[in-house]
Amino acid sequence: MAEQNIAVIGAGPKAAALAAKAYCLRQSGVPITVTIFERYDIGSAWSGRHGYTDGVQRLCTPAERDLGYPYLPTFGSEVAEQMQASFSWNAFQTSATLSSGRYAAWVNRGRRPPSHAEFTDYLKYALTLSEAPIHFGRVTGLSPADGSWTVQQVDAESRNIVEYDEFDAVVVTGPGPATARFPRVKDRRIFTGVDFWQRLVGVRKHMPRDPDKPIVIIGGGGTAAAITAWFIRNGLRDHPIHLINNQAMLFTRTTNFFENRLFDDEETWTALADIDRKSFTRRLNRGVVWETVTDLLADAEQLVLLPGKAKAIVHSIHRPGAHLPDIEVQYTNAKGESAIDAGLVIDATGFDMGAFQSLLPKTMREAIDAAGLDNLTEDVRRDLSLPLDPWPRLHVPNLSETRGPGFGSLMVLGAMADRILTPYVKAATA
């Protein structure tokens, strides 16, 4: 059998699902190893210590859709059974790492989705059990040569550049940095969907008291809604909050059999027209707001949803006696161009999931530019890798919506791991 080695960038849920599945495969005799490279900490986008969240919010997916879900017998029933026994949410809840009675308490409270911080604890449990090597530090490059990958990383402790080679594949995970879709002036009263949670002291300091200075949040997805909910929970329910997005609405995600089954039913998914698949993904993945959040937002007395697309965040007039100039958000819609004065602005328009390209060598970046990343993702392979021959496989589950709506989210982490690992299991057992 030929040993297979896979590098995963990011120590989040996708890395944990892959590492857990690889562990179960090794227990069954398949020589496959997952090595993880993480800049900060396990679950850094979920813990509340490195942005993206405060850790208090709850997942928008049921806890049962865990690292192994939907537990398909892709690699045999024994592997699926071990995943359930060792790495499921139930296994974590009944493990020695948690206090006695934790599972019963969770059931008694209605099996609510865990908070982001609790989910981080689950990821730490799974990665520890999986025995996957984790290297901490900033990844600076991904280099393909002779059919394998080399990962360059600035080690978090020594600060030295270290190279790790002989990887058969690279899997890129994580939401990416906040996007910059329009110009915005530098100002400490302007935040992004990432640093808002890291700068909560500054948020509280600059919370507007003037009712003529609304809080302006740009975006219409889960991040924008979560930030709006934070303001409501923190005493600004009666302060004007303006939410600017193209549709002037928030789509609510509820538990619905007919929608849920599409995350598991590949045959039905592939039969849908391309425009319908994209609409479903935008509405129920990228633009999803959980029902409990929309219920909270409904209590905001002065929440206004403005239709429009932000064009710029600028300084306007500097009033006499004011320490800082006014902030103006410029936007456009079908009626033309508009502007609104703001006391605080959060750009929650999304994250750059194509940022991994900066890690690739020039020849690969040029090939992606020539083909167009959007075109490549339209043709993403069954194993969720980009069609970039002759280079070794580069898997991008966050950009694989043409293969299924759940691979880029938490909905089918087990199936995502199966898709990615299948070619390496075949190579290892050939």
Protein backbone atom coordinates (compact mmCIF):
# COMPACT_ATOMS: atom_id res chain seq x y z
CA MET A 1 0.00 0.00 0.00
CA ALA A 2 1.21 3.52 -0.85
CA GLU A 3 1.07 6.01 2.03
CA GLN A 4 -1.08 9.04 1.18
CA ASN A 5 -0.41 12.43 2.78
CA ILE A 6 -2.83 15.35 2.63
CA ALA A 7 -2.19 18.90 3.80
CA VAL A 8 -5.12 20.94 5.10
CA ILE A 9 -4.88 24.71 5.48
CA GLY A 10 -6.93 25.76 8.50
CA ALA A 11 -7.86 23.89 11.69
CA GLY A 12 -11.62 24.30 11.52
CA PRO A 13 -14.55 21.90 11.05
CA LYS A 14 -13.52 20.71 7.58
CA ALA A 15 -10.03 19.88 8.83
CA ALA A 16 -11.52 18.07 11.83
CA ALA A 17 -13.87 16.04 9.60
CA LEU A 18 -11.01 15.04 7.32
CA ALA A 19 -8.67 14.17 10.19
CA ALA A 20 -11.36 12.13 11.96
CA LYS A 21 -12.19 10.17 8.80
CA ALA A 22 -8.48 9.59 8.11
CA TYR A 23 -8.06 8.24 11.66
CA CYS A 24 -10.91 5.76 11.16
CA LEU A 25 -9.44 4.71 7.82
CA ARG A 26 -6.02 4.11 9.42
CA GLN A 27 -7.69 1.95 12.04
CA SER A 28 -9.07 -0.16 9.21
CA GLY A 29 -5.63 -0.50 7.64
CA VAL A 30 -5.62 2.31 5.05
CA PRO A 31 -2.33 4.30 5.23
CA ILE A 32 -3.58 7.88 4.97
CA THR A 33 -2.47 10.91 6.98
CA VAL A 34 -3.92 14.41 7.28
CA THR A 35 -1.54 17.18 8.38
CA ILE A 36 -3.04 20.52 9.40
CA PHE A 37 -1.56 24.01 9.13
CA GLU A 38 -3.21 26.69 11.24
CA ARG A 39 -2.24 30.33 11.78
CA TYR A 40 -3.81 30.90 15.20
CA ASP A 41 -5.62 28.11 17.03
CA ILE A 42 -8.04 25.24 16.51
CA GLY A 43 -11.42 26.64 15.51
CA SER A 44 -10.06 30.17 15.34
CA ALA A 45 -12.99 31.42 13.23
CA TRP A 46 -15.44 30.04 15.82
CA SER A 47 -13.89 30.56 19.24
CA GLY A 48 -14.47 34.31 19.46
CA ARG A 49 -10.79 35.07 20.02
CA HIS A 50 -9.76 35.77 16.42
CA GLY A 51 -12.69 37.56 14.84
CA TYR A 52 -15.67 36.35 12.75
CA THR A 53 -17.79 35.80 15.90
CA ASP A 54 -17.95 36.50 19.62
CA GLY A 55 -18.30 32.78 20.33
CA VAL A 56 -21.69 33.31 21.98
CA GLN A 57 -23.80 32.94 18.83
CA ARG A 58 -25.32 29.56 18.09
CA LEU A 59 -24.64 27.49 15.00
CA CYS A 60 -27.15 27.72 12.18
CA THR A 61 -27.07 23.93 11.83
CA PRO A 62 -28.31 21.21 14.20
CA ALA A 63 -25.65 19.60 16.39
CA GLU A 64 -26.49 16.22 14.84
CA ARG A 65 -25.06 17.44 11.53
CA ASP A 66 -21.66 16.82 13.01
CA LEU A 67 -18.22 15.83 11.70
CA GLY A 68 -19.42 12.49 10.32
CA TYR A 69 -22.87 13.35 9.02
CA PRO A 70 -24.55 11.75 7.06
CA TYR A 71 -22.45 8.67 7.97
CA LEU A 72 -22.53 7.08 4.54
CA PRO A 73 -20.77 3.68 4.18
CA THR A 74 -18.47 5.11 1.48
CA PHE A 75 -15.46 3.26 2.92
CA GLY A 76 -17.44 0.44 4.51
CA SER A 77 -19.83 0.23 7.41
CA GLU A 78 -17.01 -0.25 9.96
CA VAL A 79 -15.50 3.15 9.19
CA ALA A 80 -18.92 4.82 9.39
CA GLU A 81 -19.65 3.07 12.69
CA GLN A 82 -16.33 4.15 14.19
CA MET A 83 -16.96 7.74 13.10
CA GLN A 84 -20.28 7.63 14.91
CA ALA A 85 -18.84 5.96 18.00
CA SER A 86 -15.75 8.18 18.34
CA PHE A 87 -16.28 11.51 16.57
CA SER A 88 -19.99 12.28 16.61
CA TRP A 89 -21.48 15.13 18.64
CA ASN A 90 -23.03 12.52 20.95
CA ALA A 91 -19.61 10.91 21.49
CA PHE A 92 -18.18 14.30 22.43
CA GLN A 93 -21.06 15.04 24.80
CA THR A 94 -20.52 11.74 26.63
CA SER A 95 -16.71 11.85 26.58
CA ALA A 96 -14.51 12.12 29.65
CA THR A 97 -13.50 15.63 28.58
CA LEU A 98 -16.91 16.97 29.63
CA SER A 99 -18.66 16.88 32.97
CA SER A 100 -21.05 14.05 33.73
CA GLY A 101 -24.61 14.70 32.62
CA ARG A 102 -23.71 17.06 29.78
CA TYR A 103 -25.48 14.93 27.19
CA ALA A 104 -28.65 14.66 29.29
CA ALA A 105 -28.65 18.42 29.86
CA TRP A 106 -28.34 19.05 26.12
CA VAL A 107 -31.29 16.73 25.37
CA ASN A 108 -33.39 18.23 28.18
CA ARG A 109 -32.86 21.71 26.76
CA GLY A 110 -34.24 20.64 23.42
CA ARG A 111 -31.02 19.63 21.63
CA ARG A 112 -30.25 23.22 20.70
CA PRO A 113 -27.36 23.93 18.34
CA PRO A 114 -24.17 24.62 20.30
CA SER A 115 -22.65 28.05 20.63
CA HIS A 116 -19.66 28.78 18.44
CA ALA A 117 -17.37 28.47 21.47
CA GLU A 118 -18.87 25.07 22.39
CA PHE A 119 -18.42 23.99 18.78
CA THR A 120 -14.74 24.94 19.05
CA ASP A 121 -14.41 22.62 22.06
CA TYR A 122 -15.88 19.83 19.93
CA LEU A 123 -13.31 20.48 17.19
CA LYS A 124 -10.48 20.38 19.74
CA TYR A 125 -11.78 17.09 21.09
CA ALA A 126 -11.97 15.55 17.61
CA LEU A 127 -8.56 16.76 16.45
CA THR A 128 -6.88 15.56 19.63
CA LEU A 129 -8.47 12.13 19.23
CA SER A 130 -7.57 11.99 15.53
CA GLU A 131 -3.83 12.32 16.30
CA ALA A 132 -3.47 14.57 13.25
CA PRO A 133 -0.23 16.63 13.28
CA ILE A 134 -0.98 20.36 13.58
CA HIS A 135 1.64 23.00 12.71
CA PHE A 136 0.89 26.50 13.95
CA GLY A 137 1.98 29.58 12.06
CA ARG A 138 1.19 31.59 8.95
CA VAL A 139 1.28 29.65 5.68
CA THR A 140 3.22 31.72 3.15
CA GLY A 141 3.29 29.48 0.10
CA LEU A 142 2.04 26.32 -1.61
CA SER A 143 4.45 24.91 -4.18
CA PRO A 144 3.71 21.99 -6.53
CA ALA A 145 6.60 19.95 -7.94
CA ASP A 146 6.91 16.41 -9.33
CA GLY A 147 3.31 15.52 -8.52
CA SER A 148 3.31 16.62 -4.89
CA TRP A 149 2.97 19.76 -2.78
CA THR A 150 5.31 21.62 -0.45
CA VAL A 151 3.85 23.90 2.23
CA GLN A 152 5.88 26.89 3.42
CA GLN A 153 5.03 28.24 6.86
CA VAL A 154 6.37 30.82 9.30
CA ASP A 155 6.54 28.81 12.52
CA ALA A 156 4.51 30.47 15.30
CA GLU A 157 7.17 29.90 17.97
CA SER A 158 10.53 30.18 16.26
CA ARG A 159 9.39 32.63 13.54
CA ASN A 160 11.54 30.64 11.13
CA ILE A 161 10.32 29.67 7.67
CA VAL A 162 9.79 25.92 7.60
CA GLU A 163 8.98 23.73 4.60
CA TYR A 164 6.91 20.54 4.74
CA ASP A 165 6.90 18.47 1.57
CA GLU A 166 5.64 15.31 -0.11
CA PHE A 167 1.91 16.02 0.17
CA ASP A 168 -0.30 14.29 -2.38
CA ALA A 169 -2.94 17.02 -2.10
CA VAL A 170 -3.75 20.33 -0.46
CA VAL A 171 -7.19 21.19 0.94
CA VAL A 172 -7.91 24.90 1.43
CA THR A 173 -10.51 25.72 4.10
CA GLY A 174 -11.72 28.72 6.04
CA PRO A 175 -13.85 31.75 5.17
CA GLY A 176 -10.96 33.95 4.03
CA PRO A 177 -10.39 37.59 4.97
CA ALA A 178 -13.07 40.26 4.82
CA THR A 179 -13.73 41.47 1.31
CA ALA A 180 -13.08 45.04 0.18
CA ARG A 181 -15.76 45.43 -2.48
CA PHE A 182 -15.79 49.23 -2.44
CA PRO A 183 -13.56 52.07 -1.17
CA ARG A 184 -13.78 52.88 2.51
CA VAL A 185 -11.94 55.61 4.35
CA LYS A 186 -9.74 54.66 7.29
CA ASP A 187 -11.63 55.44 10.49
CA ARG A 188 -11.86 53.73 13.87
CA ARG A 189 -15.66 53.90 13.65
CA ILE A 190 -15.65 51.61 10.61
CA PHE A 191 -15.51 47.84 11.11
CA THR A 192 -15.62 44.64 9.04
CA GLY A 193 -17.34 41.30 9.51
CA VAL A 194 -14.04 39.96 10.90
CA ASP A 195 -12.64 42.69 13.13
CA PHE A 196 -15.99 43.82 14.58
CA TRP A 197 -15.75 40.94 17.05
CA GLN A 198 -12.09 41.65 17.81
CA ARG A 199 -12.72 45.34 18.48
CA LEU A 200 -15.79 45.21 20.70
CA VAL A 201 -14.17 47.65 23.16
CA GLY A 202 -13.95 50.15 20.29
CA VAL A 203 -17.49 49.34 19.21
CA ARG A 204 -18.81 50.15 22.68
CA LYS A 205 -16.69 53.30 22.87
CA HIS A 206 -18.03 54.68 19.60
CA MET A 207 -21.65 53.57 19.89
CA PRO A 208 -23.63 56.58 18.66
CA ARG A 209 -25.92 58.37 21.10
CA ASP A 210 -27.28 60.86 18.57
CA PRO A 211 -30.53 59.46 17.09
CA ASP A 212 -29.68 61.26 13.85
CA LYS A 213 -26.56 59.11 13.53
CA PRO A 214 -27.74 55.57 12.77
CA ILE A 215 -25.64 52.46 12.91
CA VAL A 216 -25.21 51.36 9.29
CA ILE A 217 -24.57 47.69 8.55
CA ILE A 218 -23.82 46.74 4.95
CA GLY A 219 -24.75 43.19 3.95
CA GLY A 220 -27.69 40.83 3.98
CA GLY A 221 -26.33 37.49 5.19
CA GLY A 222 -25.69 35.75 8.47
CA THR A 223 -22.77 37.99 9.45
CA ALA A 224 -24.77 41.20 9.02
CA ALA A 225 -27.71 39.73 10.92
CA ALA A 226 -25.50 38.46 13.77
CA ILE A 227 -23.90 41.90 14.17
CA THR A 228 -27.31 43.57 14.13
CA ALA A 229 -28.49 41.13 16.79
CA TRP A 230 -25.45 41.97 18.94
CA PHE A 231 -26.42 45.65 18.96
CA ILE A 232 -29.98 44.79 19.93
CA ARG A 233 -28.81 42.55 22.78
CA ASN A 234 -26.47 45.27 23.99
CA GLY A 235 -28.93 48.07 24.60
CA LEU A 236 -29.49 49.61 21.17
CA ARG A 237 -32.88 48.15 20.38
CA ASP A 238 -34.37 51.64 20.13
CA HIS A 239 -31.48 53.23 18.24
CA PRO A 240 -31.77 53.61 14.45
CA ILE A 241 -30.04 50.72 12.68
CA HIS A 242 -29.95 50.76 8.89
CA LEU A 243 -29.22 47.52 7.05
CA ILE A 244 -28.19 48.06 3.42
CA ASN A 245 -28.35 45.15 0.98
CA ASN A 246 -29.52 44.47 -2.55
CA GLN A 247 -32.82 42.85 -1.64
CA ALA A 248 -33.81 44.82 1.48
CA MET A 249 -34.72 41.56 3.20
CA LEU A 250 -33.24 38.71 5.23
CA PHE A 251 -33.86 35.09 4.29
CA THR A 252 -34.74 32.92 7.28
CA ARG A 253 -33.40 29.38 7.63
CA THR A 254 -35.74 26.95 9.34
CA THR A 255 -35.78 23.18 9.67
CA ASN A 256 -37.55 22.05 6.52
CA PHE A 257 -37.47 18.51 5.13
CA PHE A 258 -37.77 19.59 1.51
CA GLU A 259 -34.83 21.97 1.79
CA ASN A 260 -32.73 19.77 4.08
CA ARG A 261 -32.88 16.78 1.76
CA LEU A 262 -31.16 18.70 -1.03
CA PHE A 263 -28.02 18.83 1.11
CA ASP A 264 -27.91 15.02 1.04
CA ASP A 265 -29.53 14.17 -2.30
CA GLU A 266 -26.90 14.47 -5.03
CA GLU A 267 -29.15 13.05 -7.76
CA THR A 268 -31.81 15.72 -7.26
CA TRP A 269 -29.21 18.47 -6.90
CA THR A 270 -27.49 17.70 -10.19
CA ALA A 271 -30.87 17.60 -11.94
CA LEU A 272 -31.59 21.22 -11.00
CA ALA A 273 -30.89 24.01 -13.48
CA ASP A 274 -27.73 26.00 -12.80
CA ILE A 275 -29.67 29.15 -11.91
CA ASP A 276 -31.78 27.23 -9.39
CA ARG A 277 -28.71 25.70 -7.72
CA LYS A 278 -27.12 29.13 -7.35
CA SER A 279 -30.32 30.63 -5.98
CA PHE A 280 -30.64 27.83 -3.41
CA THR A 281 -27.02 28.21 -2.30
CA ARG A 282 -27.26 31.99 -1.94
CA ARG A 283 -30.49 31.78 0.01
CA LEU A 284 -29.75 28.87 2.33
CA ASN A 285 -25.97 28.93 2.71
CA ARG A 286 -24.34 32.30 2.11
CA GLY A 287 -27.35 34.48 2.85
CA VAL A 288 -28.92 32.39 5.58
CA VAL A 289 -30.18 33.87 8.85
CA TRP A 290 -31.37 31.50 11.55
CA GLU A 291 -34.94 31.92 12.75
CA THR A 292 -33.92 32.77 16.33
CA VAL A 293 -31.87 35.69 14.99
CA THR A 294 -34.66 37.10 12.83
CA ASP A 295 -37.01 36.85 15.82
CA LEU A 296 -34.59 39.01 17.81
CA LEU A 297 -34.25 41.50 14.96
CA ALA A 298 -38.03 41.81 14.80
CA ASP A 299 -37.89 43.41 18.26
CA ALA A 300 -35.74 46.30 17.03
CA GLU A 301 -37.99 49.35 17.05
CA GLN A 302 -35.99 51.33 14.48
CA LEU A 303 -34.41 48.71 12.26
CA VAL A 304 -34.66 49.83 8.63
CA LEU A 305 -33.80 47.65 5.64
CA LEU A 306 -32.61 49.79 2.76
CA PRO A 307 -32.42 48.35 -0.77
CA GLY A 308 -29.12 49.19 -2.39
CA LYS A 309 -25.52 48.39 -3.14
CA ALA A 310 -22.82 50.23 -1.19
CA LYS A 311 -20.44 52.23 -3.36
CA ALA A 312 -18.14 53.89 -0.79
CA ILE A 313 -17.67 54.86 2.85
CA VAL A 314 -16.24 58.38 3.03
CA HIS A 315 -15.67 61.31 5.38
CA SER A 316 -18.10 64.17 4.82
CA ILE A 317 -18.19 67.42 6.78
CA HIS A 318 -16.13 68.08 9.92
CA ARG A 319 -18.45 69.91 12.27
CA PRO A 320 -17.07 72.66 14.55
CA GLY A 321 -16.05 71.20 17.91
CA ALA A 322 -16.27 67.61 16.70
CA HIS A 323 -13.22 65.40 17.24
CA LEU A 324 -13.81 63.44 14.05
CA PRO A 325 -15.46 64.16 10.70
CA ASP A 326 -18.86 62.69 9.90
CA ILE A 327 -19.03 59.34 8.11
CA GLU A 328 -21.13 58.99 4.97
CA VAL A 329 -22.19 55.73 3.33
CA GLN A 330 -22.85 56.12 -0.37
CA TYR A 331 -25.04 53.56 -2.09
CA THR A 332 -27.10 53.08 -5.23
CA ASN A 333 -30.35 51.35 -6.13
CA ALA A 334 -33.00 51.48 -8.85
CA LYS A 335 -33.91 55.03 -7.84
CA GLY A 336 -30.37 56.29 -8.29
CA GLU A 337 -27.55 57.29 -5.96
CA SER A 338 -28.10 58.00 -2.27
CA ALA A 339 -26.07 58.71 0.85
CA ILE A 340 -26.64 58.42 4.57
CA ASP A 341 -24.76 59.88 7.53
CA ALA A 342 -23.70 57.23 10.04
CA GLY A 343 -22.41 57.16 13.58
CA LEU A 344 -20.91 53.69 13.15
CA VAL A 345 -20.45 51.53 10.04
CA ILE A 346 -19.89 47.80 9.66
CA ASP A 347 -19.00 46.38 6.24
CA ALA A 348 -20.37 42.83 6.48
CA THR A 349 -20.51 42.17 2.75
CA GLY A 350 -18.67 38.87 3.00
CA PHE A 351 -15.33 37.13 2.85
CA ASP A 352 -12.82 36.42 0.09
CA MET A 353 -12.83 32.66 -0.42
CA GLY A 354 -10.40 33.03 -3.33
CA ALA A 355 -7.66 34.53 -1.17
CA PHE A 356 -5.74 31.21 -1.24
CA GLN A 357 -4.53 32.11 -4.74
CA SER A 358 -1.91 34.43 -3.25
CA LEU A 359 -0.18 31.34 -1.81
CA LEU A 360 0.26 29.69 -5.20
CA PRO A 361 3.24 30.08 -7.56
CA LYS A 362 2.99 32.60 -10.38
CA THR A 363 2.39 29.97 -13.07
CA MET A 364 -0.66 28.61 -11.24
CA ARG A 365 -2.05 32.08 -10.52
CA GLU A 366 -1.72 32.95 -14.19
CA ALA A 367 -3.47 29.72 -15.20
CA ILE A 368 -6.35 30.46 -12.81
CA ASP A 369 -6.58 34.05 -14.08
CA ALA A 370 -6.63 32.85 -17.69
CA ALA A 371 -9.37 30.31 -17.05
CA GLY A 372 -11.27 32.44 -14.54
CA LEU A 373 -11.83 31.18 -10.99
CA ASP A 374 -15.60 31.29 -11.46
CA ASN A 375 -15.30 29.08 -14.55
CA LEU A 376 -13.03 26.64 -12.72
CA THR A 377 -15.46 26.33 -9.83
CA GLU A 378 -18.25 25.61 -12.30
CA ASP A 379 -16.21 22.57 -13.38
CA VAL A 380 -14.99 21.53 -9.93
CA ARG A 381 -14.34 17.80 -9.85
CA ARG A 382 -16.32 15.22 -7.92
CA ASP A 383 -13.56 15.15 -5.30
CA LEU A 384 -14.04 18.93 -4.85
CA SER A 385 -10.72 19.80 -6.51
CA LEU A 386 -10.19 22.45 -9.15
CA PRO A 387 -9.49 21.19 -12.70
CA LEU A 388 -5.88 22.41 -12.77
CA ASP A 389 -3.95 19.75 -14.65
CA PRO A 390 -1.07 18.94 -14.69
CA TRP A 391 -0.64 20.14 -11.10
CA PRO A 392 -1.43 17.93 -8.09
CA ARG A 393 -4.92 18.20 -6.67
CA LEU A 394 -6.02 21.39 -4.92
CA HIS A 395 -9.33 20.85 -3.10
CA VAL A 396 -11.60 23.86 -2.44
CA PRO A 397 -14.75 22.64 -0.65
CA ASN A 398 -15.91 26.22 -0.03
CA LEU A 399 -16.12 26.75 -3.79
CA SER A 400 -17.85 23.49 -4.70
CA GLU A 401 -21.52 24.45 -4.84
CA THR A 402 -21.93 22.93 -8.30
CA ARG A 403 -21.31 19.53 -6.68
CA GLY A 404 -23.72 20.11 -3.82
CA PRO A 405 -24.93 22.91 -1.54
CA GLY A 406 -23.59 21.40 1.68
CA PHE A 407 -19.90 20.84 0.97
CA GLY A 408 -19.00 24.46 1.64
CA SER A 409 -20.91 24.62 4.94
CA LEU A 410 -21.39 22.49 8.06
CA MET A 411 -24.35 20.59 6.65
CA VAL A 412 -22.58 17.45 5.34
CA LEU A 413 -19.05 17.44 6.73
CA GLY A 414 -18.85 13.66 6.61
CA ALA A 415 -19.83 13.54 2.94
CA MET A 416 -17.36 16.35 2.20
CA ALA A 417 -14.56 14.27 3.77
CA ASP A 418 -15.63 11.21 1.77
CA ARG A 419 -15.50 13.14 -1.51
CA ILE A 420 -12.03 14.53 -0.87
CA LEU A 421 -10.47 11.35 0.54
CA THR A 422 -11.87 8.89 -2.02
CA PRO A 423 -9.06 9.19 -4.63
CA TYR A 424 -6.41 8.80 -1.93
CA VAL A 425 -8.08 5.77 -0.38
CA LYS A 426 -8.11 4.21 -3.84
CA ALA A 427 -4.42 5.06 -4.34
CA ALA A 428 -3.50 3.73 -0.91
CA THR A 429 -5.28 0.42 -1.45
CA ALA A 430 -4.37 -0.13 -5.11
